[in-house]
Amino acid sequence: AFDALIEKYHKAIVNFIYRNINDGSRAEELAQKVFVRCYLNIK
């Protein structure tokens, strides 16, 4: 279920971060951090 949430929102989150920081590789890293924080705090 969590993987389905990641699949559903990954692209939108990466795009949002990229447009904010203007760094493609860093946007991917930060998107992963977003989902890690989400996973750790989902409860």
PDB file of all heavy atoms in Angstrom:
ATOM      1  N   ALA A   1       0.848  -1.202   0.000  1.00  0.00           N
ATOM      2  CA  ALA A   1       0.000   0.000   0.000  1.00  0.00           C
ATOM      3  C   ALA A   1       0.877   1.243   0.000  1.00  0.00           C
ATOM      4  O   ALA A   1       0.609   2.206  -0.725  1.00  0.00           O
ATOM      5  CB  ALA A   1      -0.932  -0.004   1.211  1.00  0.00           C
ATOM      6  N   PHE A   2       1.943   1.228   0.805  1.00  0.00           N
ATOM      7  CA  PHE A   2       2.837   2.384   0.838  1.00  0.00           C
ATOM      8  C   PHE A   2       3.545   2.543  -0.507  1.00  0.00           C
ATOM      9  O   PHE A   2       3.685   3.661  -1.008  1.00  0.00           O
ATOM     10  CB  PHE A   2       3.857   2.279   1.980  1.00  0.00           C
ATOM     11  CG  PHE A   2       4.635   3.539   2.152  1.00  0.00           C
ATOM     12  CD1 PHE A   2       4.071   4.634   2.801  1.00  0.00           C
ATOM     13  CD2 PHE A   2       5.908   3.669   1.627  1.00  0.00           C
ATOM     14  CE1 PHE A   2       4.769   5.825   2.930  1.00  0.00           C
ATOM     15  CE2 PHE A   2       6.618   4.852   1.756  1.00  0.00           C
ATOM     16  CZ  PHE A   2       6.045   5.938   2.405  1.00  0.00           C
ATOM     17  N   ASP A   3       3.976   1.429  -1.099  1.00  0.00           N
ATOM     18  CA  ASP A   3       4.614   1.491  -2.418  1.00  0.00           C
ATOM     19  C   ASP A   3       3.664   2.079  -3.461  1.00  0.00           C
ATOM     20  O   ASP A   3       4.092   2.824  -4.353  1.00  0.00           O
ATOM     21  CB  ASP A   3       5.080   0.096  -2.857  1.00  0.00           C
ATOM     22  CG  ASP A   3       6.281  -0.400  -2.063  1.00  0.00           C
ATOM     23  OD1 ASP A   3       6.938   0.422  -1.376  1.00  0.00           O
ATOM     24  OD2 ASP A   3       6.565  -1.612  -2.117  1.00  0.00           O
ATOM     25  N   ALA A   4       2.377   1.764  -3.339  1.00  0.00           N
ATOM     26  CA  ALA A   4       1.385   2.319  -4.271  1.00  0.00           C
ATOM     27  C   ALA A   4       1.282   3.836  -4.102  1.00  0.00           C
ATOM     28  O   ALA A   4       1.137   4.569  -5.089  1.00  0.00           O
ATOM     29  CB  ALA A   4       0.021   1.665  -4.044  1.00  0.00           C
ATOM     30  N   LEU A   5       1.369   4.319  -2.857  1.00  0.00           N
ATOM     31  CA  LEU A   5       1.353   5.766  -2.613  1.00  0.00           C
ATOM     32  C   LEU A   5       2.592   6.427  -3.230  1.00  0.00           C
ATOM     33  O   LEU A   5       2.494   7.495  -3.839  1.00  0.00           O
ATOM     34  CB  LEU A   5       1.289   6.061  -1.117  1.00  0.00           C
ATOM     35  CG  LEU A   5      -0.047   5.766  -0.439  1.00  0.00           C
ATOM     36  CD1 LEU A   5       0.106   5.830   1.074  1.00  0.00           C
ATOM     37  CD2 LEU A   5      -1.120   6.731  -0.922  1.00  0.00           C
ATOM     38  N   ILE A   6       3.733   5.784  -3.076  1.00  0.00           N
ATOM     39  CA  ILE A   6       4.966   6.322  -3.673  1.00  0.00           C
ATOM     40  C   ILE A   6       4.820   6.390  -5.185  1.00  0.00           C
ATOM     41  O   ILE A   6       5.125   7.417  -5.807  1.00  0.00           O
ATOM     42  CB  ILE A   6       6.200   5.469  -3.305  1.00  0.00           C
ATOM     43  CG1 ILE A   6       6.508   5.586  -1.822  1.00  0.00           C
ATOM     44  CG2 ILE A   6       7.414   5.878  -4.143  1.00  0.00           C
ATOM     45  CD1 ILE A   6       7.617   4.663  -1.343  1.00  0.00           C
ATOM     46  N   GLU A   7       4.349   5.309  -5.772  1.00  0.00           N
ATOM     47  CA  GLU A   7       4.197   5.272  -7.232  1.00  0.00           C
ATOM     48  C   GLU A   7       3.238   6.365  -7.716  1.00  0.00           C
ATOM     49  O   GLU A   7       3.471   7.009  -8.733  1.00  0.00           O
ATOM     50  CB  GLU A   7       3.678   3.898  -7.655  1.00  0.00           C
ATOM     51  CG  GLU A   7       3.648   3.707  -9.154  1.00  0.00           C
ATOM     52  CD  GLU A   7       3.276   2.290  -9.536  1.00  0.00           C
ATOM     53  OE1 GLU A   7       3.687   1.350  -8.835  1.00  0.00           O
ATOM     54  OE2 GLU A   7       2.561   2.146 -10.548  1.00  0.00           O
ATOM     55  N   LYS A   8       2.205   6.589  -6.951  1.00  0.00           N
ATOM     56  CA  LYS A   8       1.179   7.562  -7.319  1.00  0.00           C
ATOM     57  C   LYS A   8       1.699   9.005  -7.266  1.00  0.00           C
ATOM     58  O   LYS A   8       1.326   9.835  -8.090  1.00  0.00           O
ATOM     59  CB  LYS A   8       0.010   7.393  -6.353  1.00  0.00           C
ATOM     60  CG  LYS A   8      -1.263   8.039  -6.761  1.00  0.00           C
ATOM     61  CD  LYS A   8      -2.365   7.597  -5.797  1.00  0.00           C
ATOM     62  CE  LYS A   8      -3.704   8.033  -6.273  1.00  0.00           C
ATOM     63  NZ  LYS A   8      -4.781   7.582  -5.412  1.00  0.00           N
ATOM     64  N   TYR A   9       2.568   9.321  -6.301  1.00  0.00           N
ATOM     65  CA  TYR A   9       2.961  10.720  -6.075  1.00  0.00           C
ATOM     66  C   TYR A   9       4.436  11.028  -6.316  1.00  0.00           C
ATOM     67  O   TYR A   9       4.831  12.185  -6.201  1.00  0.00           O
ATOM     68  CB  TYR A   9       2.569  11.139  -4.648  1.00  0.00           C
ATOM     69  CG  TYR A   9       1.080  11.158  -4.486  1.00  0.00           C
ATOM     70  CD1 TYR A   9       0.426  10.164  -3.772  1.00  0.00           C
ATOM     71  CD2 TYR A   9       0.309  12.151  -5.087  1.00  0.00           C
ATOM     72  CE1 TYR A   9      -0.959  10.175  -3.651  1.00  0.00           C
ATOM     73  CE2 TYR A   9      -1.062  12.168  -4.971  1.00  0.00           C
ATOM     74  CZ  TYR A   9      -1.683  11.173  -4.257  1.00  0.00           C
ATOM     75  OH  TYR A   9      -3.043  11.176  -4.149  1.00  0.00           O
ATOM     76  N   HIS A  10       5.234  10.052  -6.653  1.00  0.00           N
ATOM     77  CA  HIS A  10       6.673  10.271  -6.811  1.00  0.00           C
ATOM     78  C   HIS A  10       6.983  11.355  -7.841  1.00  0.00           C
ATOM     79  O   HIS A  10       7.728  12.304  -7.566  1.00  0.00           O
ATOM     80  CB  HIS A  10       7.384   8.963  -7.178  1.00  0.00           C
ATOM     81  CG  HIS A  10       8.851   9.123  -7.314  1.00  0.00           C
ATOM     82  ND1 HIS A  10       9.467   9.292  -8.529  1.00  0.00           N
ATOM     83  CD2 HIS A  10       9.834   9.167  -6.381  1.00  0.00           C
ATOM     84  CE1 HIS A  10      10.768   9.419  -8.342  1.00  0.00           C
ATOM     85  NE2 HIS A  10      11.018   9.357  -7.053  1.00  0.00           N
ATOM     86  N   LYS A  11       6.409  11.240  -9.022  1.00  0.00           N
ATOM     87  CA  LYS A  11       6.716  12.191 -10.096  1.00  0.00           C
ATOM     88  C   LYS A  11       6.319  13.619  -9.703  1.00  0.00           C
ATOM     89  O   LYS A  11       7.076  14.561  -9.914  1.00  0.00           O
ATOM     90  CB  LYS A  11       6.007  11.771 -11.377  1.00  0.00           C
ATOM     91  CG  LYS A  11       6.368  12.636 -12.558  1.00  0.00           C
ATOM     92  CD  LYS A  11       5.723  12.133 -13.836  1.00  0.00           C
ATOM     93  CE  LYS A  11       6.122  13.026 -14.999  1.00  0.00           C
ATOM     94  NZ  LYS A  11       5.550  12.566 -16.257  1.00  0.00           N
ATOM     95  N   ALA A  12       5.146  13.783  -9.105  1.00  0.00           N
ATOM     96  CA  ALA A  12       4.679  15.123  -8.708  1.00  0.00           C
ATOM     97  C   ALA A  12       5.598  15.731  -7.649  1.00  0.00           C
ATOM     98  O   ALA A  12       5.911  16.924  -7.705  1.00  0.00           O
ATOM     99  CB  ALA A  12       3.249  15.048  -8.181  1.00  0.00           C
ATOM    100  N   ILE A  13       6.056  14.916  -6.701  1.00  0.00           N
ATOM    101  CA  ILE A  13       6.938  15.420  -5.643  1.00  0.00           C
ATOM    102  C   ILE A  13       8.306  15.784  -6.217  1.00  0.00           C
ATOM    103  O   ILE A  13       8.856  16.841  -5.892  1.00  0.00           O
ATOM    104  CB  ILE A  13       7.052  14.401  -4.481  1.00  0.00           C
ATOM    105  CG1 ILE A  13       5.703  14.250  -3.770  1.00  0.00           C
ATOM    106  CG2 ILE A  13       8.155  14.774  -3.514  1.00  0.00           C
ATOM    107  CD1 ILE A  13       5.185  15.507  -3.087  1.00  0.00           C
ATOM    108  N   VAL A  14       8.845  14.944  -7.084  1.00  0.00           N
ATOM    109  CA  VAL A  14      10.140  15.263  -7.713  1.00  0.00           C
ATOM    110  C   VAL A  14      10.022  16.557  -8.512  1.00  0.00           C
ATOM    111  O   VAL A  14      10.886  17.435  -8.411  1.00  0.00           O
ATOM    112  CB  VAL A  14      10.633  14.107  -8.616  1.00  0.00           C
ATOM    113  CG1 VAL A  14      11.830  14.539  -9.449  1.00  0.00           C
ATOM    114  CG2 VAL A  14      10.989  12.890  -7.788  1.00  0.00           C
ATOM    115  N   ASN A  15       8.952  16.702  -9.293  1.00  0.00           N
ATOM    116  CA  ASN A  15       8.761  17.927 -10.085  1.00  0.00           C
ATOM    117  C   ASN A  15       8.632  19.150  -9.194  1.00  0.00           C
ATOM    118  O   ASN A  15       9.207  20.202  -9.479  1.00  0.00           O
ATOM    119  CB  ASN A  15       7.537  17.800 -10.988  1.00  0.00           C
ATOM    120  CG  ASN A  15       7.771  16.888 -12.162  1.00  0.00           C
ATOM    121  OD1 ASN A  15       8.896  16.687 -12.589  1.00  0.00           O
ATOM    122  ND2 ASN A  15       6.704  16.312 -12.683  1.00  0.00           N
ATOM    123  N   PHE A  16       7.871  19.015  -8.115  1.00  0.00           N
ATOM    124  CA  PHE A  16       7.710  20.134  -7.186  1.00  0.00           C
ATOM    125  C   PHE A  16       9.069  20.550  -6.612  1.00  0.00           C
ATOM    126  O   PHE A  16       9.418  21.733  -6.601  1.00  0.00           O
ATOM    127  CB  PHE A  16       6.752  19.756  -6.052  1.00  0.00           C
ATOM    128  CG  PHE A  16       6.716  20.775  -4.955  1.00  0.00           C
ATOM    129  CD1 PHE A  16       6.050  21.976  -5.140  1.00  0.00           C
ATOM    130  CD2 PHE A  16       7.371  20.557  -3.759  1.00  0.00           C
ATOM    131  CE1 PHE A  16       6.034  22.939  -4.134  1.00  0.00           C
ATOM    132  CE2 PHE A  16       7.368  21.506  -2.756  1.00  0.00           C
ATOM    133  CZ  PHE A  16       6.694  22.705  -2.938  1.00  0.00           C
ATOM    134  N   ILE A  17       9.841  19.583  -6.157  1.00  0.00           N
ATOM    135  CA  ILE A  17      11.150  19.878  -5.557  1.00  0.00           C
ATOM    136  C   ILE A  17      12.091  20.466  -6.609  1.00  0.00           C
ATOM    137  O   ILE A  17      12.776  21.460  -6.358  1.00  0.00           O
ATOM    138  CB  ILE A  17      11.748  18.623  -4.898  1.00  0.00           C
ATOM    139  CG1 ILE A  17      10.887  18.212  -3.696  1.00  0.00           C
ATOM    140  CG2 ILE A  17      13.195  18.868  -4.473  1.00  0.00           C
ATOM    141  CD1 ILE A  17      11.244  16.856  -3.103  1.00  0.00           C
ATOM    142  N   TYR A  18      12.103  19.860  -7.796  1.00  0.00           N
ATOM    143  CA  TYR A  18      12.991  20.352  -8.856  1.00  0.00           C
ATOM    144  C   TYR A  18      12.698  21.817  -9.186  1.00  0.00           C
ATOM    145  O   TYR A  18      13.600  22.632  -9.312  1.00  0.00           O
ATOM    146  CB  TYR A  18      12.856  19.490 -10.118  1.00  0.00           C
ATOM    147  CG  TYR A  18      13.632  20.040 -11.283  1.00  0.00           C
ATOM    148  CD1 TYR A  18      15.027  19.953 -11.300  1.00  0.00           C
ATOM    149  CD2 TYR A  18      13.005  20.692 -12.332  1.00  0.00           C
ATOM    150  CE1 TYR A  18      15.766  20.489 -12.350  1.00  0.00           C
ATOM    151  CE2 TYR A  18      13.723  21.226 -13.383  1.00  0.00           C
ATOM    152  CZ  TYR A  18      15.110  21.116 -13.383  1.00  0.00           C
ATOM    153  OH  TYR A  18      15.837  21.656 -14.418  1.00  0.00           O
ATOM    154  N   ARG A  19      11.437  22.152  -9.293  1.00  0.00           N
ATOM    155  CA  ARG A  19      11.070  23.525  -9.643  1.00  0.00           C
ATOM    156  C   ARG A  19      11.384  24.493  -8.506  1.00  0.00           C
ATOM    157  O   ARG A  19      11.558  25.678  -8.733  1.00  0.00           O
ATOM    158  CB  ARG A  19       9.612  23.605 -10.045  1.00  0.00           C
ATOM    159  CG  ARG A  19       9.354  22.850 -11.339  1.00  0.00           C
ATOM    160  CD  ARG A  19       7.989  23.116 -11.883  1.00  0.00           C
ATOM    161  NE  ARG A  19       7.668  22.285 -13.018  1.00  0.00           N
ATOM    162  CZ  ARG A  19       8.133  22.446 -14.250  1.00  0.00           C
ATOM    163  NH1 ARG A  19       8.974  23.410 -14.514  1.00  0.00           N
ATOM    164  NH2 ARG A  19       7.752  21.653 -15.229  1.00  0.00           N
ATOM    165  N   ASN A  20      11.507  23.976  -7.301  1.00  0.00           N
ATOM    166  CA  ASN A  20      11.871  24.818  -6.157  1.00  0.00           C
ATOM    167  C   ASN A  20      13.373  25.023  -6.058  1.00  0.00           C
ATOM    168  O   ASN A  20      13.826  26.125  -5.770  1.00  0.00           O
ATOM    169  CB  ASN A  20      11.366  24.200  -4.852  1.00  0.00           C
ATOM    170  CG  ASN A  20      10.124  24.858  -4.348  1.00  0.00           C
ATOM    171  OD1 ASN A  20      10.163  26.005  -3.938  1.00  0.00           O
ATOM    172  ND2 ASN A  20       9.021  24.138  -4.410  1.00  0.00           N
ATOM    173  N   ILE A  21      14.147  23.963  -6.254  1.00  0.00           N
ATOM    174  CA  ILE A  21      15.593  24.066  -6.016  1.00  0.00           C
ATOM    175  C   ILE A  21      16.414  24.089  -7.293  1.00  0.00           C
ATOM    176  O   ILE A  21      17.610  24.366  -7.249  1.00  0.00           O
ATOM    177  CB  ILE A  21      16.094  22.941  -5.085  1.00  0.00           C
ATOM    178  CG1 ILE A  21      15.967  21.572  -5.738  1.00  0.00           C
ATOM    179  CG2 ILE A  21      15.369  22.989  -3.744  1.00  0.00           C
ATOM    180  CD1 ILE A  21      16.673  20.458  -4.992  1.00  0.00           C
ATOM    181  N   ASN A  22      15.801  23.742  -8.443  1.00  0.00           N
ATOM    182  CA  ASN A  22      16.464  23.795  -9.743  1.00  0.00           C
ATOM    183  C   ASN A  22      17.718  22.919  -9.814  1.00  0.00           C
ATOM    184  O   ASN A  22      18.738  23.323 -10.341  1.00  0.00           O
ATOM    185  CB  ASN A  22      16.781  25.244 -10.107  1.00  0.00           C
ATOM    186  CG  ASN A  22      16.926  25.424 -11.596  1.00  0.00           C
ATOM    187  OD1 ASN A  22      16.376  24.648 -12.373  1.00  0.00           O
ATOM    188  ND2 ASN A  22      17.672  26.430 -12.006  1.00  0.00           N
ATOM    189  N   ASP A  23      17.638  21.713  -9.282  1.00  0.00           N
ATOM    190  CA  ASP A  23      18.750  20.770  -9.299  1.00  0.00           C
ATOM    191  C   ASP A  23      18.151  19.368  -9.425  1.00  0.00           C
ATOM    192  O   ASP A  23      17.579  18.836  -8.473  1.00  0.00           O
ATOM    193  CB  ASP A  23      19.566  20.905  -8.013  1.00  0.00           C
ATOM    194  CG  ASP A  23      20.790  20.007  -7.979  1.00  0.00           C
ATOM    195  OD1 ASP A  23      20.823  18.976  -8.682  1.00  0.00           O
ATOM    196  OD2 ASP A  23      21.732  20.333  -7.222  1.00  0.00           O
ATOM    197  N   GLY A  24      18.268  18.796 -10.621  1.00  0.00           N
ATOM    198  CA  GLY A  24      17.622  17.521 -10.924  1.00  0.00           C
ATOM    199  C   GLY A  24      18.031  16.361 -10.048  1.00  0.00           C
ATOM    200  O   GLY A  24      17.182  15.645  -9.508  1.00  0.00           O
ATOM    201  N   SER A  25      19.322  16.136  -9.894  1.00  0.00           N
ATOM    202  CA  SER A  25      19.762  14.989  -9.097  1.00  0.00           C
ATOM    203  C   SER A  25      19.423  15.190  -7.619  1.00  0.00           C
ATOM    204  O   SER A  25      19.029  14.247  -6.926  1.00  0.00           O
ATOM    205  CB  SER A  25      21.260  14.738  -9.276  1.00  0.00           C
ATOM    206  OG  SER A  25      22.007  15.861  -8.874  1.00  0.00           O
ATOM    207  N   ARG A  26      19.535  16.393  -7.142  1.00  0.00           N
ATOM    208  CA  ARG A  26      19.206  16.678  -5.742  1.00  0.00           C
ATOM    209  C   ARG A  26      17.695  16.560  -5.509  1.00  0.00           C
ATOM    210  O   ARG A  26      17.265  16.135  -4.433  1.00  0.00           O
ATOM    211  CB  ARG A  26      19.703  18.083  -5.373  1.00  0.00           C
ATOM    212  CG  ARG A  26      19.664  18.382  -3.923  1.00  0.00           C
ATOM    213  CD  ARG A  26      20.730  17.627  -3.140  1.00  0.00           C
ATOM    214  NE  ARG A  26      20.570  17.942  -1.741  1.00  0.00           N
ATOM    215  CZ  ARG A  26      20.513  17.050  -0.770  1.00  0.00           C
ATOM    216  NH1 ARG A  26      20.664  15.783  -1.033  1.00  0.00           N
ATOM    217  NH2 ARG A  26      20.332  17.430   0.473  1.00  0.00           N
ATOM    218  N   ALA A  27      16.895  16.893  -6.517  1.00  0.00           N
ATOM    219  CA  ALA A  27      15.436  16.761  -6.392  1.00  0.00           C
ATOM    220  C   ALA A  27      15.058  15.300  -6.171  1.00  0.00           C
ATOM    221  O   ALA A  27      14.197  14.991  -5.345  1.00  0.00           O
ATOM    222  CB  ALA A  27      14.745  17.310  -7.634  1.00  0.00           C
ATOM    223  N   GLU A  28      15.711  14.396  -6.876  1.00  0.00           N
ATOM    224  CA  GLU A  28      15.454  12.957  -6.685  1.00  0.00           C
ATOM    225  C   GLU A  28      15.811  12.535  -5.256  1.00  0.00           C
ATOM    226  O   GLU A  28      15.067  11.801  -4.616  1.00  0.00           O
ATOM    227  CB  GLU A  28      16.254  12.121  -7.681  1.00  0.00           C
ATOM    228  CG  GLU A  28      15.681  12.068  -9.060  1.00  0.00           C
ATOM    229  CD  GLU A  28      14.413  11.222  -9.173  1.00  0.00           C
ATOM    230  OE1 GLU A  28      14.126  10.410  -8.270  1.00  0.00           O
ATOM    231  OE2 GLU A  28      13.700  11.394 -10.169  1.00  0.00           O
ATOM    232  N   GLU A  29      16.968  12.997  -4.779  1.00  0.00           N
ATOM    233  CA  GLU A  29      17.397  12.652  -3.413  1.00  0.00           C
ATOM    234  C   GLU A  29      16.406  13.170  -2.381  1.00  0.00           C
ATOM    235  O   GLU A  29      16.047  12.458  -1.442  1.00  0.00           O
ATOM    236  CB  GLU A  29      18.783  13.243  -3.132  1.00  0.00           C
ATOM    237  CG  GLU A  29      19.913  12.629  -3.921  1.00  0.00           C
ATOM    238  CD  GLU A  29      21.219  13.388  -3.742  1.00  0.00           C
ATOM    239  OE1 GLU A  29      21.372  14.099  -2.723  1.00  0.00           O
ATOM    240  OE2 GLU A  29      22.092  13.279  -4.627  1.00  0.00           O
ATOM    241  N   LEU A  30      15.980  14.422  -2.548  1.00  0.00           N
ATOM    242  CA  LEU A  30      15.046  14.998  -1.586  1.00  0.00           C
ATOM    243  C   LEU A  30      13.678  14.333  -1.661  1.00  0.00           C
ATOM    244  O   LEU A  30      13.014  14.178  -0.636  1.00  0.00           O
ATOM    245  CB  LEU A  30      14.927  16.511  -1.795  1.00  0.00           C
ATOM    246  CG  LEU A  30      16.165  17.317  -1.397  1.00  0.00           C
ATOM    247  CD1 LEU A  30      15.962  18.785  -1.719  1.00  0.00           C
ATOM    248  CD2 LEU A  30      16.491  17.145   0.068  1.00  0.00           C
ATOM    249  N   ALA A  31      13.262  13.924  -2.850  1.00  0.00           N
ATOM    250  CA  ALA A  31      11.988  13.203  -2.973  1.00  0.00           C
ATOM    251  C   ALA A  31      12.061  11.894  -2.197  1.00  0.00           C
ATOM    252  O   ALA A  31      11.100  11.510  -1.509  1.00  0.00           O
ATOM    253  CB  ALA A  31      11.658  12.943  -4.441  1.00  0.00           C
ATOM    254  N   GLN A  32      13.201  11.223  -2.265  1.00  0.00           N
ATOM    255  CA  GLN A  32      13.368   9.997  -1.479  1.00  0.00           C
ATOM    256  C   GLN A  32      13.263  10.302   0.013  1.00  0.00           C
ATOM    257  O   GLN A  32      12.635   9.552   0.758  1.00  0.00           O
ATOM    258  CB  GLN A  32      14.710   9.332  -1.801  1.00  0.00           C
ATOM    259  CG  GLN A  32      14.728   8.685  -3.153  1.00  0.00           C
ATOM    260  CD  GLN A  32      16.066   8.056  -3.485  1.00  0.00           C
ATOM    261  OE1 GLN A  32      16.997   8.055  -2.682  1.00  0.00           O
ATOM    262  NE2 GLN A  32      16.188   7.523  -4.685  1.00  0.00           N
ATOM    263  N   LYS A  33      13.855  11.417   0.428  1.00  0.00           N
ATOM    264  CA  LYS A  33      13.752  11.810   1.842  1.00  0.00           C
ATOM    265  C   LYS A  33      12.307  12.086   2.235  1.00  0.00           C
ATOM    266  O   LYS A  33      11.889  11.765   3.343  1.00  0.00           O
ATOM    267  CB  LYS A  33      14.609  13.051   2.132  1.00  0.00           C
ATOM    268  CG  LYS A  33      16.073  12.775   2.234  1.00  0.00           C
ATOM    269  CD  LYS A  33      16.816  14.030   2.659  1.00  0.00           C
ATOM    270  CE  LYS A  33      18.291  13.752   2.818  1.00  0.00           C
ATOM    271  NZ  LYS A  33      19.006  14.905   3.345  1.00  0.00           N
ATOM    272  N   VAL A  34      11.540  12.704   1.329  1.00  0.00           N
ATOM    273  CA  VAL A  34      10.131  12.969   1.599  1.00  0.00           C
ATOM    274  C   VAL A  34       9.416  11.653   1.891  1.00  0.00           C
ATOM    275  O   VAL A  34       8.693  11.523   2.889  1.00  0.00           O
ATOM    276  CB  VAL A  34       9.443  13.694   0.412  1.00  0.00           C
ATOM    277  CG1 VAL A  34       7.924  13.679   0.565  1.00  0.00           C
ATOM    278  CG2 VAL A  34       9.951  15.121   0.289  1.00  0.00           C
ATOM    279  N   PHE A  35       9.640  10.661   1.046  1.00  0.00           N
ATOM    280  CA  PHE A  35       8.949   9.388   1.217  1.00  0.00           C
ATOM    281  C   PHE A  35       9.479   8.589   2.405  1.00  0.00           C
ATOM    282  O   PHE A  35       8.724   7.858   3.044  1.00  0.00           O
ATOM    283  CB  PHE A  35       8.957   8.587  -0.079  1.00  0.00           C
ATOM    284  CG  PHE A  35       8.047   9.178  -1.112  1.00  0.00           C
ATOM    285  CD1 PHE A  35       8.558   9.851  -2.212  1.00  0.00           C
ATOM    286  CD2 PHE A  35       6.670   9.119  -0.968  1.00  0.00           C
ATOM    287  CE1 PHE A  35       7.717  10.435  -3.143  1.00  0.00           C
ATOM    288  CE2 PHE A  35       5.819   9.691  -1.887  1.00  0.00           C
ATOM    289  CZ  PHE A  35       6.340  10.346  -2.983  1.00  0.00           C
ATOM    290  N   VAL A  36      10.749   8.744   2.729  1.00  0.00           N
ATOM    291  CA  VAL A  36      11.279   8.095   3.938  1.00  0.00           C
ATOM    292  C   VAL A  36      10.618   8.699   5.173  1.00  0.00           C
ATOM    293  O   VAL A  36      10.160   7.979   6.066  1.00  0.00           O
ATOM    294  CB  VAL A  36      12.821   8.225   4.024  1.00  0.00           C
ATOM    295  CG1 VAL A  36      13.334   7.851   5.406  1.00  0.00           C
ATOM    296  CG2 VAL A  36      13.482   7.359   2.964  1.00  0.00           C
ATOM    297  N   ARG A  37      10.535  10.037   5.218  1.00  0.00           N
ATOM    298  CA  ARG A  37       9.864  10.687   6.353  1.00  0.00           C
ATOM    299  C   ARG A  37       8.395  10.288   6.420  1.00  0.00           C
ATOM    300  O   ARG A  37       7.849  10.084   7.497  1.00  0.00           O
ATOM    301  CB  ARG A  37      10.000  12.202   6.263  1.00  0.00           C
ATOM    302  CG  ARG A  37      11.395  12.656   6.591  1.00  0.00           C
ATOM    303  CD  ARG A  37      11.492  14.145   6.718  1.00  0.00           C
ATOM    304  NE  ARG A  37      12.881  14.512   6.976  1.00  0.00           N
ATOM    305  CZ  ARG A  37      13.302  15.739   7.085  1.00  0.00           C
ATOM    306  NH1 ARG A  37      12.453  16.743   6.992  1.00  0.00           N
ATOM    307  NH2 ARG A  37      14.567  15.991   7.310  1.00  0.00           N
ATOM    308  N   CYS A  38       7.784  10.213   5.262  1.00  0.00           N
ATOM    309  CA  CYS A  38       6.386   9.795   5.202  1.00  0.00           C
ATOM    310  C   CYS A  38       6.243   8.379   5.765  1.00  0.00           C
ATOM    311  O   CYS A  38       5.367   8.117   6.591  1.00  0.00           O
ATOM    312  CB  CYS A  38       5.911   9.847   3.750  1.00  0.00           C
ATOM    313  SG  CYS A  38       4.202   9.388   3.513  1.00  0.00           S
ATOM    314  N   TYR A  39       7.114   7.487   5.347  1.00  0.00           N
ATOM    315  CA  TYR A  39       7.067   6.091   5.817  1.00  0.00           C
ATOM    316  C   TYR A  39       7.282   6.008   7.329  1.00  0.00           C
ATOM    317  O   TYR A  39       6.559   5.307   8.033  1.00  0.00           O
ATOM    318  CB  TYR A  39       8.124   5.263   5.087  1.00  0.00           C
ATOM    319  CG  TYR A  39       8.137   3.818   5.496  1.00  0.00           C
ATOM    320  CD1 TYR A  39       7.163   2.940   5.037  1.00  0.00           C
ATOM    321  CD2 TYR A  39       9.124   3.324   6.350  1.00  0.00           C
ATOM    322  CE1 TYR A  39       7.156   1.610   5.413  1.00  0.00           C
ATOM    323  CE2 TYR A  39       9.134   2.000   6.744  1.00  0.00           C
ATOM    324  CZ  TYR A  39       8.150   1.147   6.270  1.00  0.00           C
ATOM    325  OH  TYR A  39       8.146  -0.165   6.649  1.00  0.00           O
ATOM    326  N   LEU A  40       8.259   6.749   7.825  1.00  0.00           N
ATOM    327  CA  LEU A  40       8.579   6.708   9.255  1.00  0.00           C
ATOM    328  C   LEU A  40       7.475   7.301  10.123  1.00  0.00           C
ATOM    329  O   LEU A  40       7.335   6.939  11.294  1.00  0.00           O
ATOM    330  CB  LEU A  40       9.897   7.442   9.532  1.00  0.00           C
ATOM    331  CG  LEU A  40      11.148   6.800   8.935  1.00  0.00           C
ATOM    332  CD1 LEU A  40      12.362   7.699   9.147  1.00  0.00           C
ATOM    333  CD2 LEU A  40      11.394   5.420   9.540  1.00  0.00           C
ATOM    334  N   ASN A  41       6.693   8.220   9.536  1.00  0.00           N
ATOM    335  CA  ASN A  41       5.668   8.917  10.321  1.00  0.00           C
ATOM    336  C   ASN A  41       4.238   8.591   9.914  1.00  0.00           C
ATOM    337  O   ASN A  41       3.308   9.221  10.415  1.00  0.00           O
ATOM    338  CB  ASN A  41       5.903  10.427  10.217  1.00  0.00           C
ATOM    339  CG  ASN A  41       7.203  10.827  10.863  1.00  0.00           C
ATOM    340  OD1 ASN A  41       7.365  10.685  12.067  1.00  0.00           O
ATOM    341  ND2 ASN A  41       8.145  11.291  10.062  1.00  0.00           N
ATOM    342  N   ILE A  42       4.048   7.625   9.035  1.00  0.00           N
ATOM    343  CA  ILE A  42       2.712   7.330   8.523  1.00  0.00           C
ATOM    344  C   ILE A  42       1.744   6.938   9.640  1.00  0.00           C
ATOM    345  O   ILE A  42       0.562   7.254   9.578  1.00  0.00           O
ATOM    346  CB  ILE A  42       2.745   6.245   7.414  1.00  0.00           C
ATOM    347  CG1 ILE A  42       1.409   6.171   6.665  1.00  0.00           C
ATOM    348  CG2 ILE A  42       3.107   4.888   7.963  1.00  0.00           C
ATOM    349  CD1 ILE A  42       1.273   7.145   5.562  1.00  0.00           C
ATOM    350  N   LYS A  43       2.242   6.320  10.682  1.00  0.00           N
ATOM    351  CA  LYS A  43       1.359   5.915  11.790  1.00  0.00           C
ATOM    352  C   LYS A  43       0.837   7.127  12.555  1.00  0.00           C
ATOM    353  O   LYS A  43      -0.189   7.050  13.212  1.00  0.00           O
ATOM    354  CB  LYS A  43       2.072   4.955  12.730  1.00  0.00           C
ATOM    355  CG  LYS A  43       2.302   3.606  12.088  1.00  0.00           C
ATOM    356  CD  LYS A  43       2.914   2.597  13.004  1.00  0.00           C
ATOM    357  CE  LYS A  43       3.092   1.308  12.217  1.00  0.00           C
ATOM    358  NZ  LYS A  43       3.468   0.202  12.994  1.00  0.00           N
TER     359      LYS A  43
END
